[in-house]
Each structure stands twice: as C-alpha cells, then as structure tokens.
Amino acid sequence: MSRPVALVFILLILIMTSQFEWKQQLVNESEPITALSKHQQILNKQELIKEQIILSQEKKIHELSELVNILQRQLTDCKVVNIQNRNESIVDLDERNRLRKQDIPED
C-alpha cells in the first residue's frame, strides 16, 4: 500500500507543479499584452488630447472670424457716416459761400 500512496503523492506533486508553471506562463504571456494595452491607452489619450486641442482652436478661430465680421461692419458704418458728414460739410460750405455772396453788395 505504500507504493500506491507514494505514486499518488508523486502524481499530486507533478500536477501541482505543472499547474504552477502553467499559471506562471500565462502571467508572463499576459504582461506583454498589458504593456501593449497600456501603450495603446497612452496613444488613445494622446489622440484624444490632440482632438480636444484641435476643437478648441477651431472654436477660437470661429470666434475670431465673428469678431472680424463685426469689425468689418463697424468699419463700413464708419465709412458711411464719414461720407455723410463730408457731404454735409460740403453743403454747409456751399451754403456759407452763397450767403457771403449775397451779403457782399455789388458795385
């Protein structure tokens, strides 16, 4: 009976050690996958950050475009007002000159 007990004992030891080695191999094989997945996560985060920067820049460009449009409208309005003021000044000068000619007695 000691021989079958010894064989069972040796068999159990072989099974346990083989499972330990098998689990160790799985852990070692999963480490490169983990390293790859971490690297992929870093790349994904970098891409996300780049996209956020691009979106932010596009938003700022849009805001600046709106400001440029507003300034162009204001400039146009100023030009119109300036032309109106110039025309009024010319009319005022013409009116003054006409009144002066009327005030000057003719010989």
PDB file of N, CA and C in Angstrom:
ATOM      1  N   MET A   1       0.789  -1.186   0.000  1.00  0.00           N
ATOM      2  CA  MET A   1       0.000   0.000   0.000  1.00  0.00           C
ATOM      3  C   MET A   1       0.837   1.258   0.000  1.00  0.00           C
ATOM      4  N   SER A   2       1.993   1.180   0.435  1.00  0.00           N
ATOM      5  CA  SER A   2       2.822   2.365   0.468  1.00  0.00           C
ATOM      6  C   SER A   2       3.243   2.779  -0.935  1.00  0.00           C
ATOM      7  N   ARG A   3       3.356   1.759  -1.823  1.00  0.00           N
ATOM      8  CA  ARG A   3       3.736   2.088  -3.186  1.00  0.00           C
ATOM      9  C   ARG A   3       2.621   2.888  -3.881  1.00  0.00           C
ATOM     10  N   PRO A   4       1.335   2.488  -3.824  1.00  0.00           N
ATOM     11  CA  PRO A   4       0.293   3.302  -4.451  1.00  0.00           C
ATOM     12  C   PRO A   4       0.174   4.671  -3.796  1.00  0.00           C
ATOM     13  N   VAL A   5       0.370   4.783  -2.513  1.00  0.00           N
ATOM     14  CA  VAL A   5       0.304   6.078  -1.828  1.00  0.00           C
ATOM     15  C   VAL A   5       1.438   6.963  -2.330  1.00  0.00           C
ATOM     16  N   ALA A   6       2.600   6.399  -2.469  1.00  0.00           N
ATOM     17  CA  ALA A   6       3.747   7.168  -2.965  1.00  0.00           C
ATOM     18  C   ALA A   6       3.498   7.633  -4.393  1.00  0.00           C
ATOM     19  N   LEU A   7       2.928   6.776  -5.233  1.00  0.00           N
ATOM     20  CA  LEU A   7       2.632   7.150  -6.611  1.00  0.00           C
ATOM     21  C   LEU A   7       1.592   8.277  -6.666  1.00  0.00           C
ATOM     22  N   VAL A   8       0.582   8.182  -5.847  1.00  0.00           N
ATOM     23  CA  VAL A   8      -0.441   9.225  -5.786  1.00  0.00           C
ATOM     24  C   VAL A   8       0.190  10.531  -5.315  1.00  0.00           C
ATOM     25  N   PHE A   9       1.050  10.446  -4.322  1.00  0.00           N
ATOM     26  CA  PHE A   9       1.734  11.627  -3.793  1.00  0.00           C
ATOM     27  C   PHE A   9       2.595  12.274  -4.880  1.00  0.00           C
ATOM     28  N   ILE A  10       3.349  11.477  -5.599  1.00  0.00           N
ATOM     29  CA  ILE A  10       4.189  11.998  -6.681  1.00  0.00           C
ATOM     30  C   ILE A  10       3.310  12.588  -7.786  1.00  0.00           C
ATOM     31  N   LEU A  11       2.209  11.921  -8.089  1.00  0.00           N
ATOM     32  CA  LEU A  11       1.301  12.410  -9.114  1.00  0.00           C
ATOM     33  C   LEU A  11       0.720  13.770  -8.713  1.00  0.00           C
ATOM     34  N   LEU A  12       0.340  13.913  -7.446  1.00  0.00           N
ATOM     35  CA  LEU A  12      -0.182  15.194  -6.964  1.00  0.00           C
ATOM     36  C   LEU A  12       0.883  16.286  -7.059  1.00  0.00           C
ATOM     37  N   ILE A  13       2.099  15.961  -6.715  1.00  0.00           N
ATOM     38  CA  ILE A  13       3.183  16.940  -6.793  1.00  0.00           C
ATOM     39  C   ILE A  13       3.399  17.370  -8.250  1.00  0.00           C
ATOM     40  N   LEU A  14       3.386  16.414  -9.172  1.00  0.00           N
ATOM     41  CA  LEU A  14       3.546  16.741 -10.587  1.00  0.00           C
ATOM     42  C   LEU A  14       2.409  17.636 -11.093  1.00  0.00           C
ATOM     43  N   ILE A  15       1.201  17.314 -10.695  1.00  0.00           N
ATOM     44  CA  ILE A  15       0.044  18.110 -11.129  1.00  0.00           C
ATOM     45  C   ILE A  15       0.152  19.526 -10.586  1.00  0.00           C
ATOM     46  N   MET A  16       0.481  19.672  -9.325  1.00  0.00           N
ATOM     47  CA  MET A  16       0.570  20.993  -8.703  1.00  0.00           C
ATOM     48  C   MET A  16       1.691  21.821  -9.325  1.00  0.00           C
ATOM     49  N   THR A  17       2.835  21.213  -9.533  1.00  0.00           N
ATOM     50  CA  THR A  17       3.942  21.972 -10.114  1.00  0.00           C
ATOM     51  C   THR A  17       3.666  22.339 -11.573  1.00  0.00           C
ATOM     52  N   SER A  18       3.019  21.441 -12.295  1.00  0.00           N
ATOM     53  CA  SER A  18       2.722  21.753 -13.700  1.00  0.00           C
ATOM     54  C   SER A  18       1.694  22.879 -13.781  1.00  0.00           C
ATOM     55  N   GLN A  19       0.719  22.891 -12.878  1.00  0.00           N
ATOM     56  CA  GLN A  19      -0.258  23.983 -12.864  1.00  0.00           C
ATOM     57  C   GLN A  19       0.419  25.291 -12.485  1.00  0.00           C
ATOM     58  N   PHE A  20       1.329  25.260 -11.550  1.00  0.00           N
ATOM     59  CA  PHE A  20       2.051  26.457 -11.140  1.00  0.00           C
ATOM     60  C   PHE A  20       2.850  27.012 -12.322  1.00  0.00           C
ATOM     61  N   GLU A  21       3.559  26.128 -13.037  1.00  0.00           N
ATOM     62  CA  GLU A  21       4.323  26.568 -14.196  1.00  0.00           C
ATOM     63  C   GLU A  21       3.399  27.079 -15.291  1.00  0.00           C
ATOM     64  N   TRP A  22       2.252  26.436 -15.462  1.00  0.00           N
ATOM     65  CA  TRP A  22       1.308  26.857 -16.486  1.00  0.00           C
ATOM     66  C   TRP A  22       0.757  28.245 -16.168  1.00  0.00           C
ATOM     67  N   LYS A  23       0.405  28.470 -14.900  1.00  0.00           N
ATOM     68  CA  LYS A  23      -0.084  29.785 -14.487  1.00  0.00           C
ATOM     69  C   LYS A  23       1.005  30.836 -14.647  1.00  0.00           C
ATOM     70  N   GLN A  24       2.233  30.485 -14.330  1.00  0.00           N
ATOM     71  CA  GLN A  24       3.346  31.412 -14.479  1.00  0.00           C
ATOM     72  C   GLN A  24       3.533  31.799 -15.950  1.00  0.00           C
ATOM     73  N   GLN A  25       3.385  30.831 -16.840  1.00  0.00           N
ATOM     74  CA  GLN A  25       3.497  31.128 -18.264  1.00  0.00           C
ATOM     75  C   GLN A  25       2.376  32.051 -18.713  1.00  0.00           C
ATOM     76  N   LEU A  26       1.184  31.840 -18.194  1.00  0.00           N
ATOM     77  CA  LEU A  26       0.068  32.715 -18.547  1.00  0.00           C
ATOM     78  C   LEU A  26       0.319  34.131 -18.074  1.00  0.00           C
ATOM     79  N   VAL A  27       0.837  34.280 -16.873  1.00  0.00           N
ATOM     80  CA  VAL A  27       1.129  35.614 -16.349  1.00  0.00           C
ATOM     81  C   VAL A  27       2.201  36.272 -17.205  1.00  0.00           C
ATOM     82  N   ASN A  28       3.247  35.554 -17.562  1.00  0.00           N
ATOM     83  CA  ASN A  28       4.309  36.114 -18.384  1.00  0.00           C
ATOM     84  C   ASN A  28       3.809  36.481 -19.778  1.00  0.00           C
ATOM     85  N   GLU A  29       2.925  35.676 -20.324  1.00  0.00           N
ATOM     86  CA  GLU A  29       2.378  35.982 -21.640  1.00  0.00           C
ATOM     87  C   GLU A  29       1.423  37.158 -21.590  1.00  0.00           C
ATOM     88  N   SER A  30       0.734  37.355 -20.485  1.00  0.00           N
ATOM     89  CA  SER A  30      -0.218  38.452 -20.394  1.00  0.00           C
ATOM     90  C   SER A  30       0.481  39.786 -20.149  1.00  0.00           C
ATOM     91  N   GLU A  31       1.697  39.760 -19.628  1.00  0.00           N
ATOM     92  CA  GLU A  31       2.412  41.010 -19.380  1.00  0.00           C
ATOM     93  C   GLU A  31       2.678  41.796 -20.652  1.00  0.00           C
ATOM     94  N   PRO A  32       3.136  41.187 -21.755  1.00  0.00           N
ATOM     95  CA  PRO A  32       3.305  41.967 -22.976  1.00  0.00           C
ATOM     96  C   PRO A  32       1.979  42.534 -23.482  1.00  0.00           C
ATOM     97  N   ILE A  33       0.921  41.770 -23.311  1.00  0.00           N
ATOM     98  CA  ILE A  33      -0.395  42.272 -23.723  1.00  0.00           C
ATOM     99  C   ILE A  33      -0.756  43.485 -22.878  1.00  0.00           C
ATOM    100  N   THR A  34      -0.469  43.413 -21.582  1.00  0.00           N
ATOM    101  CA  THR A  34      -0.745  44.542 -20.706  1.00  0.00           C
ATOM    102  C   THR A  34       0.104  45.733 -21.110  1.00  0.00           C
ATOM    103  N   ALA A  35       1.372  45.489 -21.408  1.00  0.00           N
ATOM    104  CA  ALA A  35       2.246  46.578 -21.833  1.00  0.00           C
ATOM    105  C   ALA A  35       1.737  47.179 -23.140  1.00  0.00           C
ATOM    106  N   LEU A  36       1.295  46.309 -24.052  1.00  0.00           N
ATOM    107  CA  LEU A  36       0.744  46.812 -25.309  1.00  0.00           C
ATOM    108  C   LEU A  36      -0.533  47.594 -25.069  1.00  0.00           C
ATOM    109  N   SER A  37      -1.371  47.094 -24.187  1.00  0.00           N
ATOM    110  CA  SER A  37      -2.623  47.798 -23.935  1.00  0.00           C
ATOM    111  C   SER A  37      -2.358  49.133 -23.241  1.00  0.00           C
ATOM    112  N   LYS A  38      -1.369  49.179 -22.350  1.00  0.00           N
ATOM    113  CA  LYS A  38      -1.012  50.460 -21.720  1.00  0.00           C
ATOM    114  C   LYS A  38      -0.493  51.425 -22.771  1.00  0.00           C
ATOM    115  N   HIS A  39       0.338  50.913 -23.667  1.00  0.00           N
ATOM    116  CA  HIS A  39       0.855  51.755 -24.741  1.00  0.00           C
ATOM    117  C   HIS A  39      -0.293  52.253 -25.618  1.00  0.00           C
ATOM    118  N   GLN A  40      -1.240  51.375 -25.898  1.00  0.00           N
ATOM    119  CA  GLN A  40      -2.399  51.753 -26.704  1.00  0.00           C
ATOM    120  C   GLN A  40      -3.254  52.790 -25.968  1.00  0.00           C
ATOM    121  N   GLN A  41      -3.389  52.619 -24.658  1.00  0.00           N
ATOM    122  CA  GLN A  41      -4.150  53.589 -23.867  1.00  0.00           C
ATOM    123  C   GLN A  41      -3.472  54.957 -23.908  1.00  0.00           C
ATOM    124  N   ILE A  42      -2.147  54.950 -23.806  1.00  0.00           N
ATOM    125  CA  ILE A  42      -1.410  56.216 -23.870  1.00  0.00           C
ATOM    126  C   ILE A  42      -1.617  56.875 -25.231  1.00  0.00           C
ATOM    127  N   LEU A  43      -1.535  56.069 -26.290  1.00  0.00           N
ATOM    128  CA  LEU A  43      -1.752  56.612 -27.634  1.00  0.00           C
ATOM    129  C   LEU A  43      -3.171  57.152 -27.783  1.00  0.00           C
ATOM    130  N   ASN A  44      -4.140  56.428 -27.232  1.00  0.00           N
ATOM    131  CA  ASN A  44      -5.532  56.876 -27.303  1.00  0.00           C
ATOM    132  C   ASN A  44      -5.712  58.195 -26.560  1.00  0.00           C
ATOM    133  N   LYS A  45      -5.086  58.310 -25.388  1.00  0.00           N
ATOM    134  CA  LYS A  45      -5.179  59.555 -24.628  1.00  0.00           C
ATOM    135  C   LYS A  45      -4.536  60.701 -25.396  1.00  0.00           C
ATOM    136  N   GLN A  46      -3.396  60.428 -26.023  1.00  0.00           N
ATOM    137  CA  GLN A  46      -2.725  61.461 -26.806  1.00  0.00           C
ATOM    138  C   GLN A  46      -3.602  61.908 -27.968  1.00  0.00           C
ATOM    139  N   GLU A  47      -4.236  60.963 -28.632  1.00  0.00           N
ATOM    140  CA  GLU A  47      -5.129  61.298 -29.739  1.00  0.00           C
ATOM    141  C   GLU A  47      -6.309  62.127 -29.245  1.00  0.00           C
ATOM    142  N   LEU A  48      -6.844  61.745 -28.101  1.00  0.00           N
ATOM    143  CA  LEU A  48      -7.967  62.481 -27.530  1.00  0.00           C
ATOM    144  C   LEU A  48      -7.557  63.912 -27.199  1.00  0.00           C
ATOM    145  N   ILE A  49      -6.381  64.068 -26.626  1.00  0.00           N
ATOM    146  CA  ILE A  49      -5.885  65.403 -26.289  1.00  0.00           C
ATOM    147  C   ILE A  49      -5.682  66.221 -27.558  1.00  0.00           C
ATOM    148  N   LYS A  50      -5.120  65.601 -28.593  1.00  0.00           N
ATOM    149  CA  LYS A  50      -4.930  66.309 -29.863  1.00  0.00           C
ATOM    150  C   LYS A  50      -6.271  66.763 -30.431  1.00  0.00           C
ATOM    151  N   GLU A  51      -7.271  65.891 -30.374  1.00  0.00           N
ATOM    152  CA  GLU A  51      -8.593  66.247 -30.872  1.00  0.00           C
ATOM    153  C   GLU A  51      -9.186  67.408 -30.078  1.00  0.00           C
ATOM    154  N   GLN A  52      -8.995  67.383 -28.766  1.00  0.00           N
ATOM    155  CA  GLN A  52      -9.519  68.462 -27.930  1.00  0.00           C
ATOM    156  C   GLN A  52      -8.817  69.774 -28.267  1.00  0.00           C
ATOM    157  N   ILE A  53      -7.517  69.723 -28.496  1.00  0.00           N
ATOM    158  CA  ILE A  53      -6.778  70.932 -28.857  1.00  0.00           C
ATOM    159  C   ILE A  53      -7.278  71.471 -30.190  1.00  0.00           C
ATOM    160  N   ILE A  54      -7.474  70.576 -31.152  1.00  0.00           N
ATOM    161  CA  ILE A  54      -7.961  70.995 -32.464  1.00  0.00           C
ATOM    162  C   ILE A  54      -9.347  71.617 -32.353  1.00  0.00           C
ATOM    163  N   LEU A  55     -10.224  70.992 -31.576  1.00  0.00           N
ATOM    164  CA  LEU A  55     -11.571  71.538 -31.402  1.00  0.00           C
ATOM    165  C   LEU A  55     -11.526  72.910 -30.733  1.00  0.00           C
ATOM    166  N   SER A  56     -10.656  73.048 -29.753  1.00  0.00           N
ATOM    167  CA  SER A  56     -10.509  74.329 -29.069  1.00  0.00           C
ATOM    168  C   SER A  56     -10.008  75.399 -30.041  1.00  0.00           C
ATOM    169  N   GLN A  57      -9.033  75.040 -30.858  1.00  0.00           N
ATOM    170  CA  GLN A  57      -8.503  76.001 -31.834  1.00  0.00           C
ATOM    171  C   GLN A  57      -9.563  76.368 -32.869  1.00  0.00           C
ATOM    172  N   GLU A  58     -10.343  75.391 -33.303  1.00  0.00           N
ATOM    173  CA  GLU A  58     -11.410  75.683 -34.256  1.00  0.00           C
ATOM    174  C   GLU A  58     -12.441  76.624 -33.653  1.00  0.00           C
ATOM    175  N   LYS A  59     -12.746  76.434 -32.382  1.00  0.00           N
ATOM    176  CA  LYS A  59     -13.698  77.314 -31.703  1.00  0.00           C
ATOM    177  C   LYS A  59     -13.141  78.735 -31.629  1.00  0.00           C
ATOM    178  N   LYS A  60     -11.856  78.857 -31.295  1.00  0.00           N
ATOM    179  CA  LYS A  60     -11.235  80.183 -31.225  1.00  0.00           C
ATOM    180  C   LYS A  60     -11.192  80.842 -32.598  1.00  0.00           C
ATOM    181  N   ILE A  61     -10.912  80.063 -33.636  1.00  0.00           N
ATOM    182  CA  ILE A  61     -10.900  80.596 -34.997  1.00  0.00           C
ATOM    183  C   ILE A  61     -12.292  81.103 -35.368  1.00  0.00           C
ATOM    184  N   HIS A  62     -13.308  80.347 -35.014  1.00  0.00           N
ATOM    185  CA  HIS A  62     -14.687  80.762 -35.301  1.00  0.00           C
ATOM    186  C   HIS A  62     -15.013  82.072 -34.577  1.00  0.00           C
ATOM    187  N   GLU A  63     -14.626  82.163 -33.312  1.00  0.00           N
ATOM    188  CA  GLU A  63     -14.878  83.389 -32.545  1.00  0.00           C
ATOM    189  C   GLU A  63     -14.143  84.571 -33.169  1.00  0.00           C
ATOM    190  N   LEU A  64     -12.891  84.348 -33.584  1.00  0.00           N
ATOM    191  CA  LEU A  64     -12.128  85.427 -34.219  1.00  0.00           C
ATOM    192  C   LEU A  64     -12.751  85.842 -35.548  1.00  0.00           C
ATOM    193  N   SER A  65     -13.268  84.889 -36.287  1.00  0.00           N
ATOM    194  CA  SER A  65     -13.943  85.209 -37.553  1.00  0.00           C
ATOM    195  C   SER A  65     -15.171  86.075 -37.298  1.00  0.00           C
ATOM    196  N   GLU A  66     -15.917  85.738 -36.266  1.00  0.00           N
ATOM    197  CA  GLU A  66     -17.082  86.552 -35.917  1.00  0.00           C
ATOM    198  C   GLU A  66     -16.664  87.966 -35.543  1.00  0.00           C
ATOM    199  N   LEU A  67     -15.580  88.082 -34.778  1.00  0.00           N
ATOM    200  CA  LEU A  67     -15.092  89.411 -34.403  1.00  0.00           C
ATOM    201  C   LEU A  67     -14.646  90.207 -35.628  1.00  0.00           C
ATOM    202  N   VAL A  68     -13.994  89.547 -36.560  1.00  0.00           N
ATOM    203  CA  VAL A  68     -13.566  90.215 -37.795  1.00  0.00           C
ATOM    204  C   VAL A  68     -14.785  90.714 -38.562  1.00  0.00           C
ATOM    205  N   ASN A  69     -15.827  89.898 -38.640  1.00  0.00           N
ATOM    206  CA  ASN A  69     -17.057  90.316 -39.333  1.00  0.00           C
ATOM    207  C   ASN A  69     -17.687  91.529 -38.653  1.00  0.00           C
ATOM    208  N   ILE A  70     -17.717  91.507 -37.335  1.00  0.00           N
ATOM    209  CA  ILE A  70     -18.278  92.640 -36.589  1.00  0.00           C
ATOM    210  C   ILE A  70     -17.467  93.901 -36.860  1.00  0.00           C
ATOM    211  N   LEU A  71     -16.139  93.773 -36.831  1.00  0.00           N
ATOM    212  CA  LEU A  71     -15.281  94.934 -37.080  1.00  0.00           C
ATOM    213  C   LEU A  71     -15.435  95.449 -38.511  1.00  0.00           C
ATOM    214  N   GLN A  72     -15.614  94.552 -39.460  1.00  0.00           N
ATOM    215  CA  GLN A  72     -15.820  94.987 -40.848  1.00  0.00           C
ATOM    216  C   GLN A  72     -17.133  95.758 -40.984  1.00  0.00           C
ATOM    217  N   ARG A  73     -18.171  95.288 -40.296  1.00  0.00           N
ATOM    218  CA  ARG A  73     -19.447  96.013 -40.324  1.00  0.00           C
ATOM    219  C   ARG A  73     -19.302  97.396 -39.686  1.00  0.00           C
ATOM    220  N   GLN A  74     -18.567  97.446 -38.570  1.00  0.00           N
ATOM    221  CA  GLN A  74     -18.362  98.736 -37.914  1.00  0.00           C
ATOM    222  C   GLN A  74     -17.570  99.683 -38.806  1.00  0.00           C
ATOM    223  N   LEU A  75     -16.576  99.153 -39.496  1.00  0.00           N
ATOM    224  CA  LEU A  75     -15.789  99.975 -40.407  1.00  0.00           C
ATOM    225  C   LEU A  75     -16.653 100.516 -41.549  1.00  0.00           C
ATOM    226  N   THR A  76     -17.495  99.661 -42.085  1.00  0.00           N
ATOM    227  CA  THR A  76     -18.405 100.084 -43.148  1.00  0.00           C
ATOM    228  C   THR A  76     -19.344 101.185 -42.638  1.00  0.00           C
ATOM    229  N   ASP A  77     -19.872 100.986 -41.440  1.00  0.00           N
ATOM    230  CA  ASP A  77     -20.751 102.005 -40.848  1.00  0.00           C
ATOM    231  C   ASP A  77     -20.010 103.325 -40.670  1.00  0.00           C
ATOM    232  N   CYS A  78     -18.775 103.249 -40.219  1.00  0.00           N
ATOM    233  CA  CYS A  78     -17.973 104.463 -40.027  1.00  0.00           C
ATOM    234  C   CYS A  78     -17.711 105.163 -41.359  1.00  0.00           C
ATOM    235  N   LYS A  79     -17.444 104.381 -42.400  1.00  0.00           N
ATOM    236  CA  LYS A  79     -17.224 104.970 -43.712  1.00  0.00           C
ATOM    237  C   LYS A  79     -18.467 105.703 -44.197  1.00  0.00           C
ATOM    238  N   VAL A  80     -19.627 105.080 -43.992  1.00  0.00           N
ATOM    239  CA  VAL A  80     -20.887 105.690 -44.409  1.00  0.00           C
ATOM    240  C   VAL A  80     -21.106 106.996 -43.651  1.00  0.00           C
ATOM    241  N   VAL A  81     -20.902 106.974 -42.343  1.00  0.00           N
ATOM    242  CA  VAL A  81     -21.077 108.169 -41.523  1.00  0.00           C
ATOM    243  C   VAL A  81     -20.080 109.245 -41.952  1.00  0.00           C
ATOM    244  N   ASN A  82     -18.862 108.844 -42.249  1.00  0.00           N
ATOM    245  CA  ASN A  82     -17.837 109.797 -42.671  1.00  0.00           C
ATOM    246  C   ASN A  82     -18.232 110.448 -43.994  1.00  0.00           C
ATOM    247  N   ILE A  83     -18.736 109.658 -44.930  1.00  0.00           N
ATOM    248  CA  ILE A  83     -19.175 110.198 -46.220  1.00  0.00           C
ATOM    249  C   ILE A  83     -20.344 111.159 -46.017  1.00  0.00           C
ATOM    250  N   GLN A  84     -21.271 110.781 -45.146  1.00  0.00           N
ATOM    251  CA  GLN A  84     -22.411 111.655 -44.863  1.00  0.00           C
ATOM    252  C   GLN A  84     -21.946 112.974 -44.249  1.00  0.00           C
ATOM    253  N   ASN A  85     -21.017 112.876 -43.300  1.00  0.00           N
ATOM    254  CA  ASN A  85     -20.508 114.096 -42.660  1.00  0.00           C
ATOM    255  C   ASN A  85     -19.776 114.976 -43.672  1.00  0.00           C
ATOM    256  N   ARG A  86     -19.002 114.365 -44.563  1.00  0.00           N
ATOM    257  CA  ARG A  86     -18.277 115.125 -45.573  1.00  0.00           C
ATOM    258  C   ARG A  86     -19.263 115.832 -46.506  1.00  0.00           C
ATOM    259  N   ASN A  87     -20.298 115.094 -46.901  1.00  0.00           N
ATOM    260  CA  ASN A  87     -21.295 115.697 -47.782  1.00  0.00           C
ATOM    261  C   ASN A  87     -22.015 116.848 -47.092  1.00  0.00           C
ATOM    262  N   GLU A  88     -22.319 116.669 -45.820  1.00  0.00           N
ATOM    263  CA  GLU A  88     -22.968 117.749 -45.069  1.00  0.00           C
ATOM    264  C   GLU A  88     -22.045 118.952 -44.955  1.00  0.00           C
ATOM    265  N   SER A  89     -20.754 118.712 -44.766  1.00  0.00           N
ATOM    266  CA  SER A  89     -19.793 119.803 -44.671  1.00  0.00           C
ATOM    267  C   SER A  89     -19.706 120.557 -45.993  1.00  0.00           C
ATOM    268  N   ILE A  90     -19.725 119.803 -47.076  1.00  0.00           N
ATOM    269  CA  ILE A  90     -19.672 120.442 -48.394  1.00  0.00           C
ATOM    270  C   ILE A  90     -20.914 121.293 -48.616  1.00  0.00           C
ATOM    271  N   VAL A  91     -22.054 120.760 -48.241  1.00  0.00           N
ATOM    272  CA  VAL A  91     -23.309 121.505 -48.386  1.00  0.00           C
ATOM    273  C   VAL A  91     -23.266 122.743 -47.499  1.00  0.00           C
ATOM    274  N   ASP A  92     -22.771 122.614 -46.288  1.00  0.00           N
ATOM    275  CA  ASP A  92     -22.664 123.760 -45.376  1.00  0.00           C
ATOM    276  C   ASP A  92     -21.724 124.808 -45.960  1.00  0.00           C
ATOM    277  N   LEU A  93     -20.606 124.399 -46.517  1.00  0.00           N
ATOM    278  CA  LEU A  93     -19.668 125.344 -47.120  1.00  0.00           C
ATOM    279  C   LEU A  93     -20.296 126.049 -48.314  1.00  0.00           C
ATOM    280  N   ASP A  94     -20.996 125.288 -49.127  1.00  0.00           N
ATOM    281  CA  ASP A  94     -21.666 125.872 -50.274  1.00  0.00           C
ATOM    282  C   ASP A  94     -22.706 126.898 -49.828  1.00  0.00           C
ATOM    283  N   GLU A  95     -23.413 126.539 -48.785  1.00  0.00           N
ATOM    284  CA  GLU A  95     -24.448 127.454 -48.253  1.00  0.00           C
ATOM    285  C   GLU A  95     -23.804 128.721 -47.700  1.00  0.00           C
ATOM    286  N   ARG A  96     -22.707 128.591 -46.998  1.00  0.00           N
ATOM    287  CA  ARG A  96     -21.999 129.761 -46.454  1.00  0.00           C
ATOM    288  C   ARG A  96     -21.489 130.651 -47.592  1.00  0.00           C
ATOM    289  N   ASN A  97     -20.917 130.001 -48.576  1.00  0.00           N
ATOM    290  CA  ASN A  97     -20.400 130.779 -49.706  1.00  0.00           C
ATOM    291  C   ASN A  97     -21.537 131.522 -50.413  1.00  0.00           C
ATOM    292  N   ARG A  98     -22.652 130.881 -50.571  1.00  0.00           N
ATOM    293  CA  ARG A  98     -23.802 131.515 -51.215  1.00  0.00           C
ATOM    294  C   ARG A  98     -24.298 132.700 -50.389  1.00  0.00           C
ATOM    295  N   LEU A  99     -24.329 132.501 -49.052  1.00  0.00           N
ATOM    296  CA  LEU A  99     -24.766 133.593 -48.174  1.00  0.00           C
ATOM    297  C   LEU A  99     -23.774 134.741 -48.190  1.00  0.00           C
ATOM    298  N   ARG A 100     -22.520 134.468 -48.262  1.00  0.00           N
ATOM    299  CA  ARG A 100     -21.494 135.511 -48.314  1.00  0.00           C
ATOM    300  C   ARG A 100     -21.650 136.327 -49.601  1.00  0.00           C
ATOM    301  N   LYS A 101     -21.894 135.621 -50.663  1.00  0.00           N
ATOM    302  CA  LYS A 101     -22.060 136.328 -51.930  1.00  0.00           C
ATOM    303  C   LYS A 101     -23.279 137.229 -51.882  1.00  0.00           C
ATOM    304  N   GLN A 102     -24.292 136.793 -51.183  1.00  0.00           N
ATOM    305  CA  GLN A 102     -25.487 137.623 -51.058  1.00  0.00           C
ATOM    306  C   GLN A 102     -25.240 138.813 -50.155  1.00  0.00           C
ATOM    307  N   ASP A 103     -24.414 138.635 -49.138  1.00  0.00           N
ATOM    308  CA  ASP A 103     -24.132 139.717 -48.176  1.00  0.00           C
ATOM    309  C   ASP A 103     -23.220 140.779 -48.771  1.00  0.00           C
ATOM    310  N   ILE A 104     -22.414 140.400 -49.708  1.00  0.00           N
ATOM    311  CA  ILE A 104     -21.482 141.361 -50.305  1.00  0.00           C
ATOM    312  C   ILE A 104     -22.294 142.206 -51.310  1.00  0.00           C
ATOM    313  N   PRO A 105     -22.295 143.496 -51.080  1.00  0.00           N
ATOM    314  CA  PRO A 105     -23.023 144.343 -52.040  1.00  0.00           C
ATOM    315  C   PRO A 105     -22.261 144.461 -53.369  1.00  0.00           C
ATOM    316  N   GLU A 106     -23.012 144.451 -54.398  1.00  0.00           N
ATOM    317  CA  GLU A 106     -22.392 144.550 -55.709  1.00  0.00           C
ATOM    318  C   GLU A 106     -22.250 146.002 -56.089  1.00  0.00           C
ATOM    319  N   ASP A 107     -21.123 146.327 -56.677  1.00  0.00           N
ATOM    320  CA  ASP A 107     -20.862 147.710 -57.061  1.00  0.00           C
ATOM    321  C   ASP A 107     -21.504 148.043 -58.339  1.00  0.00           C
TER     322      ASP A 107
END
